[in-house]
Amino acid sequence: MISNRDEVTRMILAAKVSKEIKWKDVAQAIGLSKEWTTAACLGQMTFDKEQAGIVGEIFGLPDEAVAWLQIAPYKGSLPAAVPTDPLIYRWYEVVNVYGSTIKELIHEEFGDGIMSAIDFSMDIQREPNPNGDRVNVVLSGKFLPYKTY
């Protein structure tokens, strides 16, 4: 018996390794971006019934696990306030160093509000560079102004 969504994530990751599955191939099979698909497979998004069925087939998941893929998850996958994984820590560092700059520039351009992480898209690409390839990340979120009342 599967008791939570984290168990399903572990099953997906184990199958990904043993079957040498690529996230982009899973995304292509369900017709969505590799970024959203990866987040969903890692337990941060909810698949609809058809998508969950396809993911279940790809990873060889039992019906109970496929059902868990369709339940709204508890979002936020980091186990600690300060991440210890070096790559994730660099994102934490980016926010610590540039967060106030990003906030100031967004407020200057849009006014007082936030960038949505719900009405949101992300694109991650390799950018060839003679000094070493670069990671190009584009985050696009709807601006949501604070209301006055």
N, C-alpha and C. Protein backbone atom coordinates (compact mmCIF):
# COMPACT_ATOMS: atom_id res chain seq x y z
N MET A 1 0.83 -1.18 0.00
CA MET A 1 0.00 0.00 0.00
C MET A 1 0.88 1.25 0.00
N ILE A 2 0.55 2.20 -0.87
CA ILE A 2 1.28 3.46 -0.98
C ILE A 2 0.63 4.46 -0.03
N SER A 3 1.42 5.06 0.86
CA SER A 3 0.84 5.93 1.88
C SER A 3 0.94 7.42 1.57
N ASN A 4 1.77 7.81 0.58
CA ASN A 4 1.86 9.24 0.26
C ASN A 4 2.51 9.46 -1.11
N ARG A 5 2.44 10.69 -1.58
CA ARG A 5 2.95 11.04 -2.91
C ARG A 5 4.46 10.91 -3.00
N ASP A 6 5.18 11.11 -1.89
CA ASP A 6 6.64 10.97 -1.90
C ASP A 6 7.06 9.57 -2.31
N GLU A 7 6.31 8.56 -1.91
CA GLU A 7 6.62 7.19 -2.30
C GLU A 7 6.52 7.03 -3.82
N VAL A 8 5.53 7.68 -4.42
CA VAL A 8 5.36 7.60 -5.86
C VAL A 8 6.53 8.29 -6.56
N THR A 9 6.96 9.42 -6.02
CA THR A 9 8.12 10.12 -6.59
C THR A 9 9.35 9.20 -6.56
N ARG A 10 9.56 8.51 -5.44
CA ARG A 10 10.70 7.58 -5.35
C ARG A 10 10.57 6.45 -6.38
N MET A 11 9.35 5.98 -6.60
CA MET A 11 9.12 4.93 -7.60
C MET A 11 9.46 5.45 -9.01
N ILE A 12 9.03 6.68 -9.29
CA ILE A 12 9.30 7.28 -10.59
C ILE A 12 10.81 7.45 -10.80
N LEU A 13 11.50 7.96 -9.80
CA LEU A 13 12.95 8.17 -9.93
C LEU A 13 13.70 6.84 -10.09
N ALA A 14 13.27 5.82 -9.36
CA ALA A 14 13.92 4.51 -9.50
C ALA A 14 13.72 3.96 -10.91
N ALA A 15 12.49 4.08 -11.44
CA ALA A 15 12.22 3.59 -12.80
C ALA A 15 12.97 4.43 -13.83
N LYS A 16 13.08 5.73 -13.60
CA LYS A 16 13.81 6.61 -14.52
C LYS A 16 15.25 6.14 -14.66
N VAL A 17 15.87 5.81 -13.53
CA VAL A 17 17.25 5.35 -13.54
C VAL A 17 17.36 3.97 -14.19
N SER A 18 16.54 3.04 -13.76
CA SER A 18 16.68 1.66 -14.25
C SER A 18 16.31 1.53 -15.73
N LYS A 19 15.37 2.36 -16.20
CA LYS A 19 14.94 2.29 -17.60
C LYS A 19 15.59 3.36 -18.49
N GLU A 20 16.46 4.19 -17.88
CA GLU A 20 17.15 5.26 -18.61
C GLU A 20 16.17 6.18 -19.34
N ILE A 21 15.14 6.60 -18.63
CA ILE A 21 14.09 7.46 -19.17
C ILE A 21 14.55 8.91 -19.07
N LYS A 22 14.28 9.69 -20.10
CA LYS A 22 14.59 11.13 -20.12
C LYS A 22 13.31 11.93 -19.90
N TRP A 23 13.41 13.00 -19.12
CA TRP A 23 12.25 13.84 -18.84
C TRP A 23 11.62 14.38 -20.12
N LYS A 24 12.46 14.75 -21.09
CA LYS A 24 11.92 15.31 -22.34
C LYS A 24 11.06 14.28 -23.07
N ASP A 25 11.39 12.99 -22.94
CA ASP A 25 10.60 11.94 -23.58
C ASP A 25 9.24 11.77 -22.89
N VAL A 26 9.24 11.88 -21.58
CA VAL A 26 7.98 11.81 -20.83
C VAL A 26 7.10 13.00 -21.21
N ALA A 27 7.71 14.19 -21.27
CA ALA A 27 6.98 15.40 -21.64
C ALA A 27 6.37 15.27 -23.03
N GLN A 28 7.14 14.74 -23.95
CA GLN A 28 6.63 14.57 -25.32
C GLN A 28 5.44 13.61 -25.34
N ALA A 29 5.51 12.56 -24.54
CA ALA A 29 4.44 11.57 -24.51
C ALA A 29 3.12 12.15 -23.99
N ILE A 30 3.20 13.10 -23.04
CA ILE A 30 1.96 13.69 -22.51
C ILE A 30 1.63 15.03 -23.15
N GLY A 31 2.54 15.54 -23.98
CA GLY A 31 2.26 16.78 -24.71
C GLY A 31 2.42 18.06 -23.93
N LEU A 32 3.30 18.04 -22.92
CA LEU A 32 3.56 19.25 -22.13
C LEU A 32 5.06 19.53 -22.07
N SER A 33 5.44 20.67 -21.50
CA SER A 33 6.85 21.04 -21.43
C SER A 33 7.62 20.09 -20.51
N LYS A 34 8.92 19.98 -20.76
CA LYS A 34 9.76 19.14 -19.91
C LYS A 34 9.85 19.71 -18.50
N GLU A 35 9.75 21.04 -18.38
CA GLU A 35 9.85 21.67 -17.07
C GLU A 35 8.63 21.34 -16.21
N TRP A 36 7.42 21.51 -16.76
CA TRP A 36 6.21 21.21 -16.01
C TRP A 36 6.12 19.72 -15.72
N THR A 37 6.42 18.92 -16.72
CA THR A 37 6.34 17.47 -16.58
C THR A 37 7.27 16.96 -15.49
N THR A 38 8.49 17.48 -15.48
CA THR A 38 9.46 17.08 -14.46
C THR A 38 8.95 17.47 -13.07
N ALA A 39 8.44 18.69 -12.94
CA ALA A 39 7.89 19.14 -11.65
C ALA A 39 6.75 18.22 -11.21
N ALA A 40 5.90 17.83 -12.14
CA ALA A 40 4.78 16.95 -11.81
C ALA A 40 5.28 15.57 -11.38
N CYS A 41 6.24 15.04 -12.12
CA CYS A 41 6.78 13.72 -11.76
C CYS A 41 7.47 13.75 -10.39
N LEU A 42 8.02 14.90 -10.04
CA LEU A 42 8.68 15.05 -8.74
C LEU A 42 7.70 15.42 -7.63
N GLY A 43 6.41 15.44 -7.94
CA GLY A 43 5.40 15.62 -6.91
C GLY A 43 4.95 17.04 -6.67
N GLN A 44 5.21 17.96 -7.60
CA GLN A 44 4.86 19.35 -7.38
C GLN A 44 3.65 19.83 -8.17
N MET A 45 3.14 19.02 -9.07
CA MET A 45 1.98 19.37 -9.89
C MET A 45 1.03 18.17 -9.93
N THR A 46 -0.18 18.41 -10.44
CA THR A 46 -1.19 17.36 -10.52
C THR A 46 -1.42 16.96 -11.96
N PHE A 47 -1.32 15.68 -12.26
CA PHE A 47 -1.65 15.16 -13.58
C PHE A 47 -3.15 14.93 -13.68
N ASP A 48 -3.72 15.11 -14.89
CA ASP A 48 -5.10 14.68 -15.07
C ASP A 48 -5.09 13.17 -15.31
N LYS A 49 -6.26 12.56 -15.43
CA LYS A 49 -6.35 11.11 -15.52
C LYS A 49 -5.59 10.55 -16.72
N GLU A 50 -5.75 11.18 -17.88
CA GLU A 50 -5.06 10.70 -19.08
C GLU A 50 -3.55 10.81 -18.94
N GLN A 51 -3.08 11.96 -18.48
CA GLN A 51 -1.65 12.17 -18.29
C GLN A 51 -1.08 11.18 -17.28
N ALA A 52 -1.79 10.99 -16.17
CA ALA A 52 -1.33 10.06 -15.13
C ALA A 52 -1.23 8.64 -15.69
N GLY A 53 -2.18 8.27 -16.53
CA GLY A 53 -2.13 6.94 -17.14
C GLY A 53 -0.90 6.75 -18.02
N ILE A 54 -0.59 7.77 -18.80
CA ILE A 54 0.60 7.70 -19.67
C ILE A 54 1.87 7.63 -18.83
N VAL A 55 1.95 8.47 -17.81
CA VAL A 55 3.11 8.45 -16.91
C VAL A 55 3.23 7.09 -16.23
N GLY A 56 2.10 6.54 -15.81
CA GLY A 56 2.10 5.21 -15.19
C GLY A 56 2.65 4.15 -16.11
N GLU A 57 2.26 4.20 -17.38
CA GLU A 57 2.77 3.24 -18.36
C GLU A 57 4.26 3.40 -18.56
N ILE A 58 4.72 4.63 -18.73
CA ILE A 58 6.14 4.89 -18.99
C ILE A 58 7.01 4.36 -17.84
N PHE A 59 6.59 4.64 -16.61
CA PHE A 59 7.40 4.27 -15.45
C PHE A 59 7.02 2.91 -14.85
N GLY A 60 6.01 2.25 -15.41
CA GLY A 60 5.60 0.95 -14.89
C GLY A 60 5.00 1.04 -13.50
N LEU A 61 4.16 2.04 -13.26
CA LEU A 61 3.58 2.26 -11.94
C LEU A 61 2.30 1.44 -11.75
N PRO A 62 2.03 0.99 -10.53
CA PRO A 62 0.77 0.31 -10.25
C PRO A 62 -0.39 1.33 -10.25
N ASP A 63 -1.61 0.83 -10.35
CA ASP A 63 -2.80 1.69 -10.39
C ASP A 63 -2.87 2.64 -9.21
N GLU A 64 -2.50 2.18 -8.04
CA GLU A 64 -2.56 3.03 -6.84
C GLU A 64 -1.63 4.24 -6.98
N ALA A 65 -0.46 4.03 -7.56
CA ALA A 65 0.48 5.14 -7.77
C ALA A 65 -0.08 6.11 -8.80
N VAL A 66 -0.71 5.59 -9.85
CA VAL A 66 -1.32 6.43 -10.87
C VAL A 66 -2.41 7.31 -10.24
N ALA A 67 -3.15 6.75 -9.31
CA ALA A 67 -4.18 7.53 -8.60
C ALA A 67 -3.55 8.67 -7.80
N TRP A 68 -2.43 8.41 -7.14
CA TRP A 68 -1.74 9.45 -6.38
C TRP A 68 -1.29 10.60 -7.28
N LEU A 69 -0.94 10.32 -8.53
CA LEU A 69 -0.50 11.36 -9.46
C LEU A 69 -1.60 12.38 -9.74
N GLN A 70 -2.84 12.02 -9.45
CA GLN A 70 -3.99 12.87 -9.75
C GLN A 70 -4.49 13.66 -8.54
N ILE A 71 -3.79 13.55 -7.42
CA ILE A 71 -4.17 14.24 -6.19
C ILE A 71 -3.31 15.50 -6.05
N ALA A 72 -3.95 16.62 -5.71
CA ALA A 72 -3.21 17.87 -5.54
C ALA A 72 -2.13 17.68 -4.47
N PRO A 73 -0.88 17.97 -4.81
CA PRO A 73 0.22 17.73 -3.88
C PRO A 73 0.41 18.84 -2.86
N TYR A 74 1.17 18.52 -1.84
CA TYR A 74 1.68 19.52 -0.91
C TYR A 74 2.91 20.09 -1.59
N LYS A 75 2.85 21.35 -1.99
CA LYS A 75 3.94 21.93 -2.78
C LYS A 75 5.09 22.39 -1.89
N GLY A 76 6.26 22.36 -2.48
CA GLY A 76 7.47 22.73 -1.77
C GLY A 76 8.24 21.46 -1.47
N SER A 77 9.30 21.22 -2.24
CA SER A 77 9.97 19.93 -2.14
C SER A 77 11.27 19.96 -1.37
N LEU A 78 11.69 21.11 -0.91
CA LEU A 78 12.97 21.17 -0.22
C LEU A 78 12.81 20.77 1.24
N PRO A 79 13.66 19.86 1.71
CA PRO A 79 13.52 19.36 3.08
C PRO A 79 14.01 20.32 4.16
N ALA A 80 14.76 21.35 3.78
CA ALA A 80 15.30 22.28 4.77
C ALA A 80 15.19 23.71 4.25
N ALA A 81 15.23 24.68 5.17
CA ALA A 81 15.13 26.09 4.78
C ALA A 81 16.28 26.50 3.87
N VAL A 82 17.48 26.05 4.18
CA VAL A 82 18.63 26.33 3.33
C VAL A 82 19.01 25.02 2.65
N PRO A 83 18.85 24.95 1.32
CA PRO A 83 19.14 23.70 0.63
C PRO A 83 20.61 23.32 0.69
N THR A 84 20.86 22.01 0.72
CA THR A 84 22.24 21.54 0.76
C THR A 84 22.73 21.02 -0.58
N ASP A 85 21.82 20.69 -1.49
CA ASP A 85 22.23 20.27 -2.82
C ASP A 85 22.90 21.46 -3.51
N PRO A 86 24.12 21.30 -4.05
CA PRO A 86 24.85 22.44 -4.62
C PRO A 86 24.10 23.21 -5.71
N LEU A 87 23.43 22.51 -6.61
CA LEU A 87 22.73 23.21 -7.67
C LEU A 87 21.54 24.00 -7.12
N ILE A 88 20.77 23.39 -6.24
CA ILE A 88 19.62 24.09 -5.65
C ILE A 88 20.11 25.23 -4.76
N TYR A 89 21.22 25.01 -4.07
CA TYR A 89 21.77 26.07 -3.24
C TYR A 89 22.12 27.29 -4.08
N ARG A 90 22.60 27.11 -5.31
CA ARG A 90 22.95 28.25 -6.17
C ARG A 90 21.72 29.09 -6.48
N TRP A 91 20.56 28.45 -6.61
CA TRP A 91 19.33 29.21 -6.80
C TRP A 91 19.00 30.01 -5.54
N TYR A 92 19.19 29.39 -4.40
CA TYR A 92 19.00 30.07 -3.12
C TYR A 92 19.93 31.28 -3.04
N GLU A 93 21.18 31.07 -3.47
CA GLU A 93 22.18 32.13 -3.48
C GLU A 93 21.76 33.26 -4.45
N VAL A 94 21.26 32.90 -5.62
CA VAL A 94 20.80 33.90 -6.58
C VAL A 94 19.71 34.77 -5.95
N VAL A 95 18.76 34.13 -5.27
CA VAL A 95 17.68 34.90 -4.64
C VAL A 95 18.23 35.76 -3.50
N ASN A 96 19.17 35.22 -2.72
CA ASN A 96 19.76 36.01 -1.63
C ASN A 96 20.51 37.22 -2.16
N VAL A 97 21.27 37.04 -3.24
CA VAL A 97 22.09 38.12 -3.78
C VAL A 97 21.27 39.08 -4.62
N TYR A 98 20.41 38.54 -5.48
CA TYR A 98 19.70 39.38 -6.44
C TYR A 98 18.21 39.58 -6.14
N GLY A 99 17.71 38.96 -5.07
CA GLY A 99 16.28 39.04 -4.78
C GLY A 99 15.78 40.46 -4.62
N SER A 100 16.49 41.28 -3.86
CA SER A 100 16.04 42.66 -3.67
C SER A 100 16.13 43.45 -4.97
N THR A 101 17.11 43.14 -5.81
CA THR A 101 17.23 43.80 -7.11
C THR A 101 16.07 43.41 -8.02
N ILE A 102 15.76 42.12 -8.06
CA ILE A 102 14.62 41.64 -8.86
C ILE A 102 13.34 42.31 -8.38
N LYS A 103 13.15 42.36 -7.08
CA LYS A 103 11.96 42.99 -6.49
C LYS A 103 11.88 44.46 -6.90
N GLU A 104 12.96 45.19 -6.76
CA GLU A 104 12.97 46.61 -7.10
C GLU A 104 12.65 46.83 -8.58
N LEU A 105 13.27 46.05 -9.43
CA LEU A 105 13.05 46.24 -10.87
C LEU A 105 11.64 45.85 -11.30
N ILE A 106 11.09 44.80 -10.70
CA ILE A 106 9.70 44.42 -11.01
C ILE A 106 8.76 45.52 -10.53
N HIS A 107 8.97 46.02 -9.32
CA HIS A 107 8.09 47.07 -8.80
C HIS A 107 8.22 48.35 -9.62
N GLU A 108 9.43 48.68 -10.06
CA GLU A 108 9.62 49.88 -10.88
C GLU A 108 8.89 49.76 -12.21
N GLU A 109 8.91 48.57 -12.79
CA GLU A 109 8.29 48.35 -14.10
C GLU A 109 6.78 48.14 -14.01
N PHE A 110 6.32 47.40 -12.99
CA PHE A 110 4.91 46.99 -12.91
C PHE A 110 4.13 47.64 -11.79
N GLY A 111 4.79 48.11 -10.75
CA GLY A 111 4.10 48.62 -9.57
C GLY A 111 4.17 47.59 -8.45
N ASP A 112 3.43 47.85 -7.37
CA ASP A 112 3.47 46.99 -6.19
C ASP A 112 2.66 45.72 -6.45
N GLY A 113 3.31 44.58 -6.39
CA GLY A 113 2.65 43.30 -6.62
C GLY A 113 3.64 42.17 -6.62
N ILE A 114 3.22 41.04 -7.16
CA ILE A 114 4.05 39.84 -7.18
C ILE A 114 4.02 39.18 -8.56
N MET A 115 4.97 38.32 -8.80
CA MET A 115 4.97 37.48 -9.99
C MET A 115 4.36 36.14 -9.60
N SER A 116 3.35 35.74 -10.33
CA SER A 116 2.66 34.48 -10.03
C SER A 116 3.56 33.28 -10.29
N ALA A 117 3.46 32.29 -9.41
CA ALA A 117 4.09 30.99 -9.65
C ALA A 117 3.01 29.98 -10.01
N ILE A 118 1.78 30.47 -10.20
CA ILE A 118 0.67 29.62 -10.64
C ILE A 118 0.42 29.84 -12.12
N ASP A 119 0.23 31.10 -12.53
CA ASP A 119 0.12 31.44 -13.95
C ASP A 119 1.55 31.69 -14.40
N PHE A 120 2.26 30.61 -14.71
CA PHE A 120 3.72 30.62 -14.77
C PHE A 120 4.21 29.63 -15.81
N SER A 121 5.31 29.96 -16.44
CA SER A 121 6.00 28.99 -17.30
C SER A 121 7.50 29.14 -17.10
N MET A 122 8.22 28.10 -17.48
CA MET A 122 9.67 28.07 -17.33
C MET A 122 10.26 27.36 -18.54
N ASP A 123 11.41 27.83 -18.98
CA ASP A 123 12.11 27.18 -20.08
C ASP A 123 13.58 27.09 -19.71
N ILE A 124 14.15 25.90 -19.82
CA ILE A 124 15.57 25.69 -19.51
C ILE A 124 16.24 25.14 -20.76
N GLN A 125 17.28 25.83 -21.21
CA GLN A 125 17.99 25.44 -22.42
C GLN A 125 19.50 25.52 -22.20
N ARG A 126 20.22 24.74 -22.98
CA ARG A 126 21.68 24.83 -23.02
C ARG A 126 22.04 25.95 -23.99
N GLU A 127 22.93 26.83 -23.57
CA GLU A 127 23.39 27.93 -24.41
C GLU A 127 24.88 27.73 -24.70
N PRO A 128 25.20 27.32 -25.93
CA PRO A 128 26.62 27.11 -26.26
C PRO A 128 27.42 28.40 -26.07
N ASN A 129 28.62 28.25 -25.52
CA ASN A 129 29.48 29.39 -25.28
C ASN A 129 30.92 28.90 -25.38
N PRO A 130 31.79 29.60 -26.10
CA PRO A 130 33.18 29.14 -26.24
C PRO A 130 33.93 29.05 -24.91
N ASN A 131 33.47 29.77 -23.89
CA ASN A 131 34.11 29.71 -22.58
C ASN A 131 33.49 28.67 -21.65
N GLY A 132 32.60 27.86 -22.19
CA GLY A 132 31.89 26.85 -21.40
C GLY A 132 30.40 27.06 -21.54
N ASP A 133 29.68 26.01 -21.83
CA ASP A 133 28.25 26.13 -22.03
C ASP A 133 27.58 26.75 -20.81
N ARG A 134 26.49 27.47 -21.08
CA ARG A 134 25.77 28.19 -20.04
C ARG A 134 24.37 27.60 -19.90
N VAL A 135 23.80 27.79 -18.74
CA VAL A 135 22.43 27.38 -18.48
C VAL A 135 21.56 28.62 -18.67
N ASN A 136 20.62 28.55 -19.61
CA ASN A 136 19.72 29.67 -19.88
C ASN A 136 18.35 29.31 -19.30
N VAL A 137 17.92 30.06 -18.30
CA VAL A 137 16.64 29.82 -17.64
C VAL A 137 15.76 31.04 -17.82
N VAL A 138 14.56 30.82 -18.34
CA VAL A 138 13.59 31.89 -18.49
C VAL A 138 12.39 31.55 -17.61
N LEU A 139 12.07 32.47 -16.71
CA LEU A 139 10.90 32.33 -15.85
C LEU A 139 9.89 33.38 -16.29
N SER A 140 8.67 32.97 -16.52
CA SER A 140 7.63 33.90 -16.96
C SER A 140 6.39 33.71 -16.10
N GLY A 141 6.09 34.72 -15.28
CA GLY A 141 4.92 34.64 -14.41
C GLY A 141 4.05 35.88 -14.58
N LYS A 142 2.77 35.68 -14.51
CA LYS A 142 1.82 36.79 -14.62
C LYS A 142 2.04 37.75 -13.45
N PHE A 143 2.00 39.05 -13.74
CA PHE A 143 2.10 40.04 -12.67
C PHE A 143 0.75 40.18 -12.00
N LEU A 144 0.75 40.13 -10.68
CA LEU A 144 -0.48 40.26 -9.89
C LEU A 144 -0.33 41.46 -8.97
N PRO A 145 -0.99 42.57 -9.30
CA PRO A 145 -0.88 43.75 -8.43
C PRO A 145 -1.64 43.59 -7.12
N TYR A 146 -1.10 44.19 -6.07
CA TYR A 146 -1.84 44.20 -4.80
C TYR A 146 -3.03 45.14 -4.97
N LYS A 147 -4.14 44.78 -4.38
CA LYS A 147 -5.36 45.58 -4.46
C LYS A 147 -5.44 46.53 -3.27
N THR A 148 -6.07 47.64 -3.51
CA THR A 148 -6.38 48.54 -2.39
C THR A 148 -7.86 48.35 -2.06
N TYR A 149 -8.19 48.52 -0.81
CA TYR A 149 -9.59 48.37 -0.39
C TYR A 149 -9.88 49.22 0.81
